[in-house]
């Protein structure tokens, strides 16, 4: 059974940092694109960052460019999201996801992802 488990969320003041982790179990995802999404109350789930299978390419939403960094450790089946200079508008539940290997959807489209974690809450106070 495939399972993605996010951790590292919490409450932080504006300008602070958090590092999220997502560890997969049940199979190896070293050959798949993995992504981070977030969903704020009353809003749709939105793309944050994604990373290619070997970490050679990363993709970013404009809203987090220069502040968030995605990385992965395939030996640990884990993907990370380093979040710096956090803003109150970054408050959301953050989800990691595994992308279909031959998805026809844009990398920022949730429909292109097949497995999802349960999410971890990030709250940024002003």
Foldseek 3Di string as FASTA:
>chain_A
DKAKAKDWADEEAAQAKIKMKIAIDDDAQLQWKKFKWWDDPPGDIWGAKIAGSQRPDMDGDPVQPPFWDWDDDRVRRMIMIIGGRDDQVVWTWMKMFTFDPDDPDDPTDPVRTDDMHPTDTHGYHD
